[in-house]
C-alpha atoms as a PDB file:
ATOM      1  CA  UNK A   1      15.915 -14.293   4.879  1.00  0.00           C
ATOM      2  CA  UNK A   2      12.336 -15.299   5.593  1.00  0.00           C
ATOM      3  CA  UNK A   3       9.721 -14.293   3.036  1.00  0.00           C
ATOM      4  CA  UNK A   4       6.648 -12.412   4.217  1.00  0.00           C
ATOM      5  CA  UNK A   5       3.326 -14.162   3.717  1.00  0.00           C
ATOM      6  CA  UNK A   6       0.955 -12.644   1.229  1.00  0.00           C
ATOM      7  CA  UNK A   7      -2.412 -12.028   2.871  1.00  0.00           C
ATOM      8  CA  UNK A   8      -5.913 -11.850   1.447  1.00  0.00           C
ATOM      9  CA  UNK A   9      -5.776  -8.069   1.902  1.00  0.00           C
ATOM     10  CA  UNK A  10      -2.716  -7.941  -0.345  1.00  0.00           C
ATOM     11  CA  UNK A  11      -4.512 -10.077  -2.918  1.00  0.00           C
ATOM     12  CA  UNK A  12      -7.281  -7.468  -3.094  1.00  0.00           C
ATOM     13  CA  UNK A  13      -4.991  -5.566  -5.462  1.00  0.00           C
ATOM     14  CA  UNK A  14      -4.958  -8.532  -7.881  1.00  0.00           C
ATOM     15  CA  UNK A  15      -7.233  -8.214 -10.909  1.00  0.00           C
ATOM     16  CA  UNK A  16      -9.444 -11.034 -12.174  1.00  0.00           C
ATOM     17  CA  UNK A  17      -7.133 -11.843 -15.114  1.00  0.00           C
ATOM     18  CA  UNK A  18      -4.142 -12.045 -12.790  1.00  0.00           C
ATOM     19  CA  UNK A  19      -6.035 -14.290 -10.376  1.00  0.00           C
ATOM     20  CA  UNK A  20      -6.928 -16.660 -13.225  1.00  0.00           C
ATOM     21  CA  UNK A  21      -3.291 -16.759 -14.308  1.00  0.00           C
ATOM     22  CA  UNK A  22      -2.148 -17.454 -10.734  1.00  0.00           C
ATOM     23  CA  UNK A  23      -4.629 -20.330 -10.490  1.00  0.00           C
ATOM     24  CA  UNK A  24      -3.339 -21.857 -13.733  1.00  0.00           C
ATOM     25  CA  UNK A  25       0.300 -21.338 -12.704  1.00  0.00           C
ATOM     26  CA  UNK A  26      -0.030 -23.029  -9.301  1.00  0.00           C
ATOM     27  CA  UNK A  27      -2.159 -25.830 -10.786  1.00  0.00           C
ATOM     28  CA  UNK A  28       0.567 -26.578 -13.342  1.00  0.00           C
ATOM     29  CA  UNK A  29       3.321 -26.501 -10.699  1.00  0.00           C
ATOM     30  CA  UNK A  30       1.300 -28.728  -8.347  1.00  0.00           C
ATOM     31  CA  UNK A  31       0.276 -31.236 -11.050  1.00  0.00           C
ATOM     32  CA  UNK A  32       3.913 -31.628 -12.064  1.00  0.00           C
ATOM     33  CA  UNK A  33       5.206 -31.859  -8.458  1.00  0.00           C
ATOM     34  CA  UNK A  34       7.451 -28.859  -9.004  1.00  0.00           C
ATOM     35  CA  UNK A  35       9.033 -26.525  -6.494  1.00  0.00           C
ATOM     36  CA  UNK A  36       9.718 -22.846  -6.995  1.00  0.00           C
ATOM     37  CA  UNK A  37      12.519 -20.511  -5.998  1.00  0.00           C
ATOM     38  CA  UNK A  38      12.424 -16.746  -6.543  1.00  0.00           C
ATOM     39  CA  UNK A  39      15.468 -14.572  -5.952  1.00  0.00           C
ATOM     40  CA  UNK A  40      15.532 -10.786  -6.144  1.00  0.00           C
ATOM     41  CA  UNK A  41      18.560  -9.001  -4.747  1.00  0.00           C
ATOM     42  CA  UNK A  42      18.942 -10.140  -1.138  1.00  0.00           C
ATOM     43  CA  UNK A  43      15.434 -11.613  -1.017  1.00  0.00           C
ATOM     44  CA  UNK A  44      15.003 -15.336  -1.484  1.00  0.00           C
ATOM     45  CA  UNK A  45      11.659 -17.183  -1.538  1.00  0.00           C
ATOM     46  CA  UNK A  46      11.515 -20.942  -1.855  1.00  0.00           C
ATOM     47  CA  UNK A  47       8.357 -23.026  -2.171  1.00  0.00           C
ATOM     48  CA  UNK A  48       8.738 -26.784  -1.961  1.00  0.00           C
ATOM     49  CA  UNK A  49       6.095 -29.033  -3.522  1.00  0.00           C
ATOM     50  CA  UNK A  50       3.995 -29.029  -0.315  1.00  0.00           C
ATOM     51  CA  UNK A  51       4.028 -25.214  -0.222  1.00  0.00           C
ATOM     52  CA  UNK A  52       3.094 -25.088  -3.926  1.00  0.00           C
ATOM     53  CA  UNK A  53       0.159 -27.405  -3.218  1.00  0.00           C
ATOM     54  CA  UNK A  54      -0.989 -25.175  -0.322  1.00  0.00           C
ATOM     55  CA  UNK A  55      -0.670 -22.103  -2.537  1.00  0.00           C
ATOM     56  CA  UNK A  56      -2.765 -23.801  -5.218  1.00  0.00           C
ATOM     57  CA  UNK A  57      -5.561 -24.647  -2.777  1.00  0.00           C
ATOM     58  CA  UNK A  58      -5.525 -21.142  -1.302  1.00  0.00           C
ATOM     59  CA  UNK A  59      -5.648 -19.359  -4.633  1.00  0.00           C
ATOM     60  CA  UNK A  60      -8.350 -21.735  -5.929  1.00  0.00           C
ATOM     61  CA  UNK A  61     -10.436 -20.953  -2.837  1.00  0.00           C
ATOM     62  CA  UNK A  62     -10.119 -17.196  -3.286  1.00  0.00           C
ATOM     63  CA  UNK A  63     -13.071 -15.264  -4.704  1.00  0.00           C
ATOM     64  CA  UNK A  64     -12.851 -11.560  -5.523  1.00  0.00           C
ATOM     65  CA  UNK A  65     -16.018  -9.593  -6.257  1.00  0.00           C
ATOM     66  CA  UNK A  66     -16.365  -5.963  -7.350  1.00  0.00           C
ATOM     67  CA  UNK A  67     -19.555  -3.960  -6.949  1.00  0.00           C
ATOM     68  CA  UNK A  68     -20.634  -0.345  -6.598  1.00  0.00           C
ATOM     69  CA  UNK A  69     -22.574   0.775  -3.528  1.00  0.00           C
ATOM     70  CA  UNK A  70     -23.926   4.083  -2.265  1.00  0.00           C
ATOM     71  CA  UNK A  71     -23.650   5.289   1.342  1.00  0.00           C
ATOM     72  CA  UNK A  72     -24.251   8.523   3.191  1.00  0.00           C
ATOM     73  CA  UNK A  73     -21.668   9.732   5.640  1.00  0.00           C
ATOM     74  CA  UNK A  74     -19.455  12.493   6.896  1.00  0.00           C
ATOM     75  CA  UNK A  75     -15.848  12.812   5.766  1.00  0.00           C
ATOM     76  CA  UNK A  76     -13.789  12.916   8.986  1.00  0.00           C
ATOM     77  CA  UNK A  77     -10.428  12.084   7.468  1.00  0.00           C
ATOM     78  CA  UNK A  78      -9.415  13.402   4.043  1.00  0.00           C
ATOM     79  CA  UNK A  79      -5.782  13.265   2.956  1.00  0.00           C
ATOM     80  CA  UNK A  80      -5.281  14.510  -0.609  1.00  0.00           C
ATOM     81  CA  UNK A  81      -1.565  13.689  -0.657  1.00  0.00           C
ATOM     82  CA  UNK A  82      -2.183   9.981  -0.057  1.00  0.00           C
ATOM     83  CA  UNK A  83      -5.663   9.761  -1.646  1.00  0.00           C
ATOM     84  CA  UNK A  84      -7.201   8.357   1.554  1.00  0.00           C
ATOM     85  CA  UNK A  85     -10.573   9.065   3.172  1.00  0.00           C
ATOM     86  CA  UNK A  86     -12.544   7.843   6.169  1.00  0.00           C
ATOM     87  CA  UNK A  87     -16.285   8.428   6.574  1.00  0.00           C
ATOM     88  CA  UNK A  88     -18.431   7.306   9.497  1.00  0.00           C
ATOM     89  CA  UNK A  89     -21.771   6.319   7.990  1.00  0.00           C
ATOM     90  CA  UNK A  90     -24.960   8.111   8.968  1.00  0.00           C
ATOM     91  CA  UNK A  91     -26.886   4.876   9.512  1.00  0.00           C
ATOM     92  CA  UNK A  92     -24.743   3.552  12.322  1.00  0.00           C
ATOM     93  CA  UNK A  93     -21.407   5.262  12.456  1.00  0.00           C
ATOM     94  CA  UNK A  94     -19.357   2.405  10.963  1.00  0.00           C
ATOM     95  CA  UNK A  95     -16.115   3.599   9.384  1.00  0.00           C
ATOM     96  CA  UNK A  96     -15.299   2.713   5.786  1.00  0.00           C
ATOM     97  CA  UNK A  97     -11.674   3.768   5.292  1.00  0.00           C
ATOM     98  CA  UNK A  98     -10.423   3.583   1.756  1.00  0.00           C
ATOM     99  CA  UNK A  99      -8.759   5.267  -1.167  1.00  0.00           C
ATOM    100  CA  UNK A 100     -10.037   8.055  -3.393  1.00  0.00           C
ATOM    101  CA  UNK A 101     -10.052   7.458  -7.145  1.00  0.00           C
ATOM    102  CA  UNK A 102      -7.893   9.999  -8.972  1.00  0.00           C
ATOM    103  CA  UNK A 103     -10.901  11.391 -10.883  1.00  0.00           C
ATOM    104  CA  UNK A 104     -12.871  11.885  -7.650  1.00  0.00           C
ATOM    105  CA  UNK A 105      -9.889  13.605  -5.995  1.00  0.00           C
ATOM    106  CA  UNK A 106      -9.392  15.921  -8.995  1.00  0.00           C
ATOM    107  CA  UNK A 107     -13.123  16.774  -9.037  1.00  0.00           C
ATOM    108  CA  UNK A 108     -13.139  17.472  -5.277  1.00  0.00           C
ATOM    109  CA  UNK A 109     -10.080  19.721  -5.565  1.00  0.00           C
ATOM    110  CA  UNK A 110     -11.630  21.683  -8.440  1.00  0.00           C
ATOM    111  CA  UNK A 111     -15.097  22.059  -6.935  1.00  0.00           C
ATOM    112  CA  UNK A 112     -13.967  23.000  -3.408  1.00  0.00           C
ATOM    113  CA  UNK A 113     -14.673  23.618  -0.559  1.00  0.00           C
ATOM    114  CA  UNK A 114     -12.504  21.060   1.184  1.00  0.00           C
ATOM    115  CA  UNK A 115     -14.694  18.001   1.954  1.00  0.00           C
ATOM    116  CA  UNK A 116     -13.324  17.507   5.485  1.00  0.00           C
ATOM    117  CA  UNK A 117     -16.172  17.153   7.987  1.00  0.00           C
ATOM    118  CA  UNK A 118     -18.852  17.652   5.293  1.00  0.00           C
ATOM    119  CA  UNK A 119     -21.771  15.275   4.673  1.00  0.00           C
ATOM    120  CA  UNK A 120     -21.994  13.405   1.364  1.00  0.00           C
ATOM    121  CA  UNK A 121     -23.739  10.663  -0.562  1.00  0.00           C
ATOM    122  CA  UNK A 122     -20.773   8.486  -1.482  1.00  0.00           C
ATOM    123  CA  UNK A 123     -20.525   6.239  -4.493  1.00  0.00           C
ATOM    124  CA  UNK A 124     -17.976   3.563  -3.624  1.00  0.00           C
ATOM    125  CA  UNK A 125     -16.431   0.668  -5.482  1.00  0.00           C
ATOM    126  CA  UNK A 126     -16.326  -2.225  -3.025  1.00  0.00           C
ATOM    127  CA  UNK A 127     -13.825  -4.994  -3.714  1.00  0.00           C
ATOM    128  CA  UNK A 128     -14.419  -8.009  -1.498  1.00  0.00           C
ATOM    129  CA  UNK A 129     -12.073 -10.981  -1.201  1.00  0.00           C
ATOM    130  CA  UNK A 130     -13.322 -14.216   0.303  1.00  0.00           C
ATOM    131  CA  UNK A 131     -10.901 -16.974   1.177  1.00  0.00           C
ATOM    132  CA  UNK A 132     -11.741 -20.352   2.672  1.00  0.00           C
ATOM    133  CA  UNK A 133     -12.085 -20.340   6.453  1.00  0.00           C
ATOM    134  CA  UNK A 134     -11.377 -16.594   6.726  1.00  0.00           C
ATOM    135  CA  UNK A 135     -13.605 -13.581   7.171  1.00  0.00           C
ATOM    136  CA  UNK A 136     -14.049 -11.490   4.014  1.00  0.00           C
ATOM    137  CA  UNK A 137     -11.742  -8.504   3.450  1.00  0.00           C
ATOM    138  CA  UNK A 138     -13.083  -5.358   1.809  1.00  0.00           C
ATOM    139  CA  UNK A 139     -11.358  -2.511   0.033  1.00  0.00           C
ATOM    140  CA  UNK A 140     -13.280   0.717  -0.602  1.00  0.00           C
ATOM    141  CA  UNK A 141     -12.553   3.211  -3.387  1.00  0.00           C
ATOM    142  CA  UNK A 142     -14.409   6.529  -3.491  1.00  0.00           C
ATOM    143  CA  UNK A 143     -15.688   7.171  -7.014  1.00  0.00           C
ATOM    144  CA  UNK A 144     -18.020  10.121  -6.518  1.00  0.00           C
ATOM    145  CA  UNK A 145     -19.495  12.280  -3.762  1.00  0.00           C
ATOM    146  CA  UNK A 146     -22.554  14.517  -3.721  1.00  0.00           C
ATOM    147  CA  UNK A 147     -23.190  16.947  -0.834  1.00  0.00           C
ATOM    148  CA  UNK A 148     -26.200  16.196   1.380  1.00  0.00           C
ATOM    149  CA  UNK A 149     -27.622  17.734   4.531  1.00  0.00           C
ATOM    150  CA  UNK A 150     -26.730  16.133   7.831  1.00  0.00           C
ATOM    151  CA  UNK A 151     -29.526  13.909   9.136  1.00  0.00           C
ATOM    152  CA  UNK A 152     -31.382  15.321  12.139  1.00  0.00           C
ATOM    153  CA  UNK A 153     -30.844  12.057  13.998  1.00  0.00           C
ATOM    154  CA  UNK A 154     -27.083  12.719  14.280  1.00  0.00           C
ATOM    155  CA  UNK A 155     -25.730  14.336  17.445  1.00  0.00           C
ATOM    156  CA  UNK A 156     -25.377  18.102  17.040  1.00  0.00           C
ATOM    157  CA  UNK A 157     -21.593  17.819  17.320  1.00  0.00           C
ATOM    158  CA  UNK A 158     -21.523  15.790  14.076  1.00  0.00           C
ATOM    159  CA  UNK A 159     -24.129  17.805  12.157  1.00  0.00           C
ATOM    160  CA  UNK A 160     -22.072  20.909  11.460  1.00  0.00           C
ATOM    161  CA  UNK A 161     -18.774  21.288   9.713  1.00  0.00           C
ATOM    162  CA  UNK A 162     -15.856  22.678  11.704  1.00  0.00           C
END
């Protein structure tokens, strides 16, 4: 059975301590010329010494940065059951799909009304992964939202809630 490749987007879930440990682990394996085989149930993943060396260089080239940013936008997709949201931004309409932090979801459910199609100032945690020779990947997590009026520059169809 072929193993699936782990992408930079998947590595966005890795915390800084885990990334440091991965770097040390692959460095040790590579320095010693070791190979690695992982077996779980019917799944089998084997890394020969060349694959271990590639993994070391990839993980050493990976940089993950966390920061908080504020945006204004309109919530056009809000799914409480999966903690997902999708706001087009007021300043250009770009979509920033992401997850909603549990605290933000609980606060939104308590405060009501439902945020769908409402305008907010959004406080987001942005996690950005940069790998060598690849475009950066970003993961957005909604931390807080404050209601705001729709900007007059938006088309009328986007200014009012449904």
